Amino acid sequence: MPAAPNPTVASATAEQVEAAWKDPKLANVLYHDWEAGSYDEKWSISFDQRCIDYARDRFAHVAGADGWPYGRALELGCGTGFFLLNLKLAGVLDSGAVTDLSPGMVEVARRNAANLGFDIEGRVADAESIPYDADSFDLVVGHAVLHHIPDVEQALREVLRVLKPGGRFVFAGEPTRYGDLIARRLSRLTWWATTRITRLDRLKSWSRPKTELDASSRAAALEAVVDLHTFDPAELRRLAERAGAADVATRTDELTAAWFGWPVRTFEAAVPREKLGFGWAMFAYTNWQRLHRLDSAVLARFVPARLFYNVEITGTKPA
């Protein structure tokens, strides 16, 4: 990929956005560099017990709790370091490094680590060509990253190359085909309804400025470019096996929790943040928790796995 300027999506010209439509890796850099400064706030990412529990549970859901703590770990497509740093806080791993195609994300991830008292290495890197020697890591993890990578099988081959024999990979937060379809439709409906209702005289104080809404629309346009894949759990498992992985397993989660969560996130993006206080945050989080428990304890018993929103995958490098 040629070197690219680093404009924000909010200020990107039509020509820059057009170029990104033709180059998903450029789109990923533009979009995620723009999101780096506000990503944690947008997705309610933190490094407290709430997110520690979430990261640990997603890992254990698909890979179990045997072998903790893993020695040296790598997070692929790290974003702001959410998965690796919370897994570190949960005792799943000892030390780690992070990579991302976005320089802005790597910078924020390293800053988050420093704020937590951790020293991690961060490299700007393409997941299809990981800049580490073979047999370097005991564990490779990623959260919501595989669906951004053009050649997922090649990326998994690289993951297996940098893993030590017997080492494990865990990827979570990947969208299923059906789950993504429903989530996007719910999000578009919520955005349409919210931006129109807040035009009413009595609700204008709940409307974001037009410039911010336009910026969000341009960002959403690029989001359609950076989100390259959705996955069928069985097909994702076979893809990992073709890449050379052993002991491959997939699990899915979030059904009603996703139907609730995506409209909530969209509503939060469509109104001024100062209008939403602690009460709203608790409403959103506690209700998501309740629905997630319903999905896991009840609905997972009889609803087909492919209908859930998230798919997680794990596997090992053959010894």
Protein backbone atom coordinates (compact mmCIF):
# COMPACT_ATOMS: atom_id res chain seq x y z
CA MET A 1 0.00 0.00 0.00
CA PRO A 2 1.46 3.42 -0.90
CA ALA A 3 2.13 5.95 1.81
CA ALA A 4 -0.99 7.97 2.51
CA PRO A 5 -1.77 11.29 4.16
CA ASN A 6 -3.35 11.14 7.58
CA PRO A 7 -6.46 13.33 7.34
CA THR A 8 -9.40 12.66 9.59
CA VAL A 9 -12.50 11.28 7.99
CA ALA A 10 -14.32 14.35 9.20
CA SER A 11 -12.12 16.56 7.01
CA ALA A 12 -11.40 14.07 4.23
CA THR A 13 -12.12 15.33 0.74
CA ALA A 14 -14.40 13.55 -1.66
CA GLU A 15 -11.30 12.49 -3.61
CA GLN A 16 -9.70 10.94 -0.53
CA VAL A 17 -12.86 9.04 0.35
CA GLU A 18 -13.17 7.89 -3.26
CA ALA A 19 -9.59 6.59 -3.19
CA ALA A 20 -10.32 4.74 0.03
CA TRP A 21 -13.32 3.02 -1.56
CA LYS A 22 -10.88 1.40 -3.98
CA ASP A 23 -8.29 0.49 -1.35
CA PRO A 24 -9.64 -1.16 1.82
CA LYS A 25 -6.28 -0.94 3.58
CA LEU A 26 -6.10 2.81 2.96
CA ALA A 27 -9.70 3.03 4.17
CA ASN A 28 -8.72 1.22 7.35
CA VAL A 29 -5.90 3.66 8.03
CA LEU A 30 -8.04 6.75 7.38
CA TYR A 31 -11.04 5.48 9.30
CA HIS A 32 -9.22 4.10 12.33
CA ASP A 33 -6.77 7.00 12.61
CA TRP A 34 -9.82 9.26 12.74
CA GLU A 35 -11.48 7.06 15.37
CA ALA A 36 -8.38 6.61 17.54
CA GLY A 37 -8.93 9.64 19.75
CA SER A 38 -12.61 8.94 20.48
CA TYR A 39 -12.81 5.16 20.03
CA ASP A 40 -12.81 4.26 23.72
CA GLU A 41 -15.58 6.74 24.45
CA LYS A 42 -17.62 5.68 21.41
CA TRP A 43 -17.59 2.00 22.38
CA SER A 44 -17.58 2.50 26.17
CA ILE A 45 -14.15 0.87 26.38
CA SER A 46 -12.46 0.98 29.75
CA PHE A 47 -10.00 -1.01 31.81
CA ASP A 48 -12.16 -1.54 34.86
CA GLN A 49 -13.92 -4.66 36.14
CA ARG A 50 -16.72 -4.37 33.58
CA CYS A 51 -14.42 -4.70 30.58
CA ILE A 52 -11.98 -7.02 32.35
CA ASP A 53 -14.85 -9.46 32.93
CA TYR A 54 -16.07 -9.10 29.36
CA ALA A 55 -12.66 -9.79 27.79
CA ARG A 56 -11.92 -12.72 30.15
CA ASP A 57 -15.35 -14.25 29.56
CA ARG A 58 -15.12 -13.95 25.77
CA PHE A 59 -11.70 -15.65 25.85
CA ALA A 60 -12.83 -18.42 28.20
CA HIS A 61 -16.09 -18.94 26.29
CA VAL A 62 -14.23 -20.30 23.28
CA ALA A 63 -10.81 -21.34 24.65
CA GLY A 64 -11.39 -22.27 28.28
CA ALA A 65 -9.22 -21.28 31.23
CA ASP A 66 -6.47 -23.90 31.00
CA GLY A 67 -2.90 -22.70 30.59
CA TRP A 68 -3.34 -19.28 32.21
CA PRO A 69 -1.32 -17.20 32.31
CA TYR A 70 0.11 -17.42 28.82
CA GLY A 71 3.64 -16.05 28.56
CA ARG A 72 4.13 -13.62 25.70
CA ALA A 73 1.08 -12.48 23.74
CA LEU A 74 0.43 -10.44 20.60
CA GLU A 75 -2.75 -8.53 19.81
CA LEU A 76 -3.44 -8.25 16.10
CA GLY A 77 -5.39 -5.19 14.97
CA CYS A 78 -5.16 -3.89 18.52
CA GLY A 79 -7.25 -0.75 18.20
CA THR A 80 -6.79 1.01 21.52
CA GLY A 81 -5.55 -2.17 23.23
CA PHE A 82 -8.92 -3.23 24.61
CA PHE A 83 -8.56 -7.00 24.36
CA LEU A 84 -4.90 -7.55 25.26
CA LEU A 85 -4.80 -5.03 28.13
CA ASN A 86 -8.00 -6.31 29.73
CA LEU A 87 -6.79 -9.90 29.35
CA LYS A 88 -3.57 -8.85 31.06
CA LEU A 89 -5.58 -7.33 33.92
CA ALA A 90 -7.64 -10.55 34.11
CA GLY A 91 -4.50 -12.68 34.54
CA VAL A 92 -4.84 -14.44 31.19
CA LEU A 93 -1.37 -13.39 29.97
CA ASP A 94 1.91 -12.10 31.36
CA SER A 95 3.35 -9.73 28.76
CA GLY A 96 2.34 -8.48 25.35
CA ALA A 97 2.87 -6.56 22.16
CA VAL A 98 0.35 -4.90 19.84
CA THR A 99 0.10 -4.26 16.11
CA ASP A 100 -2.37 -2.33 13.99
CA LEU A 101 -2.49 -0.92 10.48
CA SER A 102 -3.44 2.45 11.99
CA PRO A 103 -0.58 4.47 13.54
CA GLY A 104 -3.12 6.41 15.59
CA MET A 105 -4.50 3.24 17.16
CA VAL A 106 -1.04 1.91 18.05
CA GLU A 107 -0.22 5.22 19.73
CA VAL A 108 -3.41 5.17 21.83
CA ALA A 109 -2.91 1.50 22.76
CA ARG A 110 0.60 2.20 24.03
CA ARG A 111 -0.67 5.22 25.95
CA ASN A 112 -3.44 3.16 27.55
CA ALA A 113 -0.87 0.53 28.53
CA ALA A 114 1.40 3.15 30.08
CA ASN A 115 -1.52 4.59 32.06
CA LEU A 116 -2.09 1.09 33.47
CA GLY A 117 1.58 0.69 34.35
CA PHE A 118 2.35 -1.77 31.55
CA ASP A 119 5.25 -1.58 29.11
CA ILE A 120 4.18 -3.01 25.74
CA GLU A 121 5.77 -2.89 22.33
CA GLY A 122 3.63 -1.42 19.54
CA ARG A 123 4.23 -1.73 15.81
CA VAL A 124 2.31 -0.40 12.82
CA ALA A 125 1.82 -3.55 10.78
CA ASP A 126 -0.27 -5.32 8.18
CA ALA A 127 -1.93 -8.46 9.60
CA GLU A 128 -1.12 -10.27 6.36
CA SER A 129 2.61 -9.78 7.01
CA ILE A 130 3.29 -9.71 10.75
CA PRO A 131 6.72 -8.15 11.50
CA TYR A 132 7.88 -10.74 14.04
CA ASP A 133 10.03 -13.84 13.78
CA ALA A 134 8.56 -17.32 13.67
CA ASP A 135 7.84 -18.97 17.03
CA SER A 136 7.77 -15.66 18.92
CA PHE A 137 4.53 -15.81 20.91
CA ASP A 138 2.62 -18.15 23.19
CA LEU A 139 -0.70 -16.49 22.36
CA VAL A 140 -2.14 -14.29 19.59
CA VAL A 141 -5.44 -12.51 20.21
CA GLY A 142 -7.69 -10.09 18.42
CA HIS A 143 -11.09 -8.53 18.91
CA ALA A 144 -13.26 -7.41 15.98
CA VAL A 145 -10.29 -7.50 13.61
CA LEU A 146 -10.64 -10.42 11.18
CA HIS A 147 -13.55 -8.82 9.35
CA HIS A 148 -11.29 -5.87 8.44
CA ILE A 149 -8.55 -7.99 6.82
CA PRO A 150 -8.75 -8.55 3.03
CA ASP A 151 -7.11 -12.01 3.10
CA VAL A 152 -8.16 -13.65 6.35
CA GLU A 153 -6.58 -17.01 5.51
CA GLN A 154 -3.21 -15.37 4.86
CA ALA A 155 -3.47 -13.48 8.14
CA LEU A 156 -4.15 -16.73 10.00
CA ARG A 157 -1.14 -18.33 8.30
CA GLU A 158 0.94 -15.44 9.66
CA VAL A 159 -0.59 -15.90 13.10
CA LEU A 160 0.43 -19.55 13.07
CA ARG A 161 3.92 -18.63 11.85
CA VAL A 162 4.61 -16.27 14.78
CA LEU A 163 3.09 -18.64 17.35
CA LYS A 164 5.32 -21.11 19.14
CA PRO A 165 4.49 -24.78 18.55
CA GLY A 166 1.44 -25.53 20.65
CA GLY A 167 0.66 -21.83 20.96
CA ARG A 168 -2.94 -20.64 20.78
CA PHE A 169 -4.86 -17.94 18.96
CA VAL A 170 -8.21 -16.46 20.05
CA PHE A 171 -10.27 -14.03 17.99
CA ALA A 172 -13.55 -12.68 19.33
CA GLY A 173 -16.14 -10.09 18.36
CA GLU A 174 -16.42 -11.10 14.70
CA PRO A 175 -19.81 -10.50 13.01
CA THR A 176 -21.86 -13.36 11.66
CA ARG A 177 -23.71 -12.90 8.38
CA TYR A 178 -27.19 -12.93 9.85
CA GLY A 179 -26.25 -10.99 12.99
CA ASP A 180 -24.57 -8.23 11.00
CA LEU A 181 -27.54 -7.92 8.65
CA ILE A 182 -29.98 -7.39 11.53
CA ALA A 183 -27.63 -5.06 13.43
CA ARG A 184 -27.08 -2.78 10.44
CA ARG A 185 -30.79 -2.55 9.70
CA LEU A 186 -31.59 -1.71 13.31
CA SER A 187 -28.80 0.89 13.36
CA ARG A 188 -29.96 2.58 10.16
CA LEU A 189 -33.55 2.72 11.43
CA THR A 190 -32.43 4.17 14.76
CA TRP A 191 -30.26 6.81 13.06
CA TRP A 192 -33.08 7.79 10.69
CA ALA A 193 -35.65 8.06 13.49
CA THR A 194 -33.40 9.91 15.95
CA THR A 195 -32.07 12.52 13.50
CA ARG A 196 -35.63 13.31 12.37
CA ILE A 197 -37.32 13.39 15.76
CA THR A 198 -34.67 15.74 17.13
CA ARG A 199 -35.58 18.27 14.43
CA LEU A 200 -38.84 18.97 16.25
CA ASP A 201 -38.88 22.29 18.09
CA ARG A 202 -39.24 20.72 21.53
CA LEU A 203 -36.33 18.34 20.93
CA LYS A 204 -33.86 20.53 19.04
CA SER A 205 -31.55 20.64 22.05
CA TRP A 206 -31.08 16.89 21.51
CA SER A 207 -29.91 17.39 17.91
CA ARG A 208 -26.22 17.30 17.08
CA PRO A 209 -24.88 20.11 14.84
CA LYS A 210 -25.19 19.44 11.12
CA THR A 211 -21.42 19.50 10.65
CA GLU A 212 -21.05 16.65 13.17
CA LEU A 213 -23.85 14.66 11.55
CA ASP A 214 -22.24 15.15 8.13
CA ALA A 215 -18.90 13.96 9.53
CA SER A 216 -20.60 10.88 10.99
CA SER A 217 -22.19 10.18 7.62
CA ARG A 218 -18.81 10.32 5.88
CA ALA A 219 -17.37 8.04 8.55
CA ALA A 220 -20.24 5.61 8.04
CA ALA A 221 -19.51 5.60 4.32
CA LEU A 222 -15.92 4.51 4.98
CA GLU A 223 -17.10 2.00 7.58
CA ALA A 224 -18.80 0.16 4.73
CA VAL A 225 -15.36 -0.18 3.11
CA VAL A 226 -13.38 -1.27 6.17
CA ASP A 227 -15.93 -3.91 7.18
CA LEU A 228 -14.98 -6.47 4.55
CA HIS A 229 -16.41 -9.74 5.83
CA THR A 230 -19.12 -11.41 7.81
CA PHE A 231 -18.69 -15.03 8.81
CA ASP A 232 -20.56 -18.28 8.95
CA PRO A 233 -19.12 -20.08 12.02
CA ALA A 234 -18.59 -23.39 10.20
CA GLU A 235 -16.93 -21.72 7.21
CA LEU A 236 -14.64 -19.69 9.50
CA ARG A 237 -13.57 -22.90 11.22
CA ARG A 238 -12.75 -24.53 7.89
CA LEU A 239 -10.79 -21.45 6.81
CA ALA A 240 -8.59 -21.67 9.92
CA GLU A 241 -8.02 -25.36 9.28
CA ARG A 242 -6.95 -24.61 5.70
CA ALA A 243 -4.46 -22.11 7.11
CA GLY A 244 -2.91 -24.98 9.10
CA ALA A 245 -4.48 -24.59 12.55
CA ALA A 246 -5.22 -27.53 14.82
CA ASP A 247 -7.87 -27.95 17.51
CA VAL A 248 -10.06 -25.29 15.87
CA ALA A 249 -13.33 -24.41 17.59
CA THR A 250 -15.91 -21.66 17.21
CA ARG A 251 -18.59 -20.35 19.58
CA THR A 252 -21.24 -17.67 19.09
CA ASP A 253 -22.96 -15.23 21.44
CA GLU A 254 -25.23 -12.16 21.55
CA LEU A 255 -28.68 -12.43 20.00
CA THR A 256 -31.17 -10.22 21.83
CA ALA A 257 -28.21 -8.40 23.40
CA ALA A 258 -27.13 -7.30 19.91
CA TRP A 259 -30.69 -6.34 18.94
CA PHE A 260 -30.66 -4.03 21.97
CA GLY A 261 -27.03 -2.92 21.89
CA TRP A 262 -26.74 -1.69 18.32
CA PRO A 263 -29.73 0.71 18.47
CA VAL A 264 -28.43 2.00 21.82
CA ARG A 265 -24.98 2.71 20.36
CA THR A 266 -26.51 4.39 17.33
CA PHE A 267 -28.76 6.57 19.48
CA GLU A 268 -25.74 7.61 21.56
CA ALA A 269 -23.91 8.63 18.37
CA ALA A 270 -26.86 10.67 17.10
CA VAL A 271 -27.43 12.92 20.13
CA PRO A 272 -25.12 15.23 22.13
CA ARG A 273 -23.22 13.19 24.70
CA GLU A 274 -23.90 15.71 27.48
CA LYS A 275 -27.58 14.77 27.27
CA LEU A 276 -26.79 11.24 28.40
CA GLY A 277 -25.69 10.87 31.99
CA PHE A 278 -24.84 8.10 34.42
CA GLY A 279 -28.45 6.95 34.58
CA TRP A 280 -28.51 6.28 30.86
CA ALA A 281 -25.18 4.45 31.02
CA MET A 282 -26.46 2.16 33.77
CA PHE A 283 -29.71 1.54 31.89
CA ALA A 284 -27.82 0.56 28.75
CA TYR A 285 -25.26 -1.62 30.51
CA THR A 286 -27.56 -3.46 32.92
CA ASN A 287 -30.12 -4.25 30.24
CA TRP A 288 -27.41 -5.46 27.87
CA GLN A 289 -26.15 -7.70 30.68
CA ARG A 290 -29.60 -9.15 31.29
CA LEU A 291 -30.13 -9.90 27.62
CA HIS A 292 -26.65 -11.38 27.30
CA ARG A 293 -27.42 -13.76 30.16
CA LEU A 294 -30.69 -14.69 28.48
CA ASP A 295 -28.84 -15.39 25.23
CA SER A 296 -26.19 -17.52 26.93
CA ALA A 297 -28.29 -19.42 29.44
CA VAL A 298 -31.49 -19.97 27.47
CA LEU A 299 -31.51 -19.06 23.79
CA ALA A 300 -28.17 -20.68 22.97
CA ARG A 301 -29.76 -24.05 23.74
CA PHE A 302 -32.14 -24.00 20.78
CA VAL A 303 -31.37 -21.03 18.49
CA PRO A 304 -28.97 -21.96 15.62
CA ALA A 305 -25.45 -20.65 16.25
CA ARG A 306 -25.28 -18.82 12.93
CA LEU A 307 -28.12 -16.49 14.01
CA PHE A 308 -26.16 -14.94 16.88
CA TYR A 309 -24.23 -11.73 16.28
CA ASN A 310 -20.70 -12.59 17.42
CA VAL A 311 -18.52 -15.52 16.49
CA GLU A 312 -15.35 -16.40 18.39
CA ILE A 313 -12.65 -18.74 17.10
CA THR A 314 -9.65 -20.45 18.65
CA GLY A 315 -7.03 -22.90 17.48
CA THR A 316 -3.44 -23.94 18.06
CA LYS A 317 -0.22 -24.26 16.11
CA PRO A 318 0.59 -27.93 15.63
CA ALA A 319 3.40 -29.03 17.89
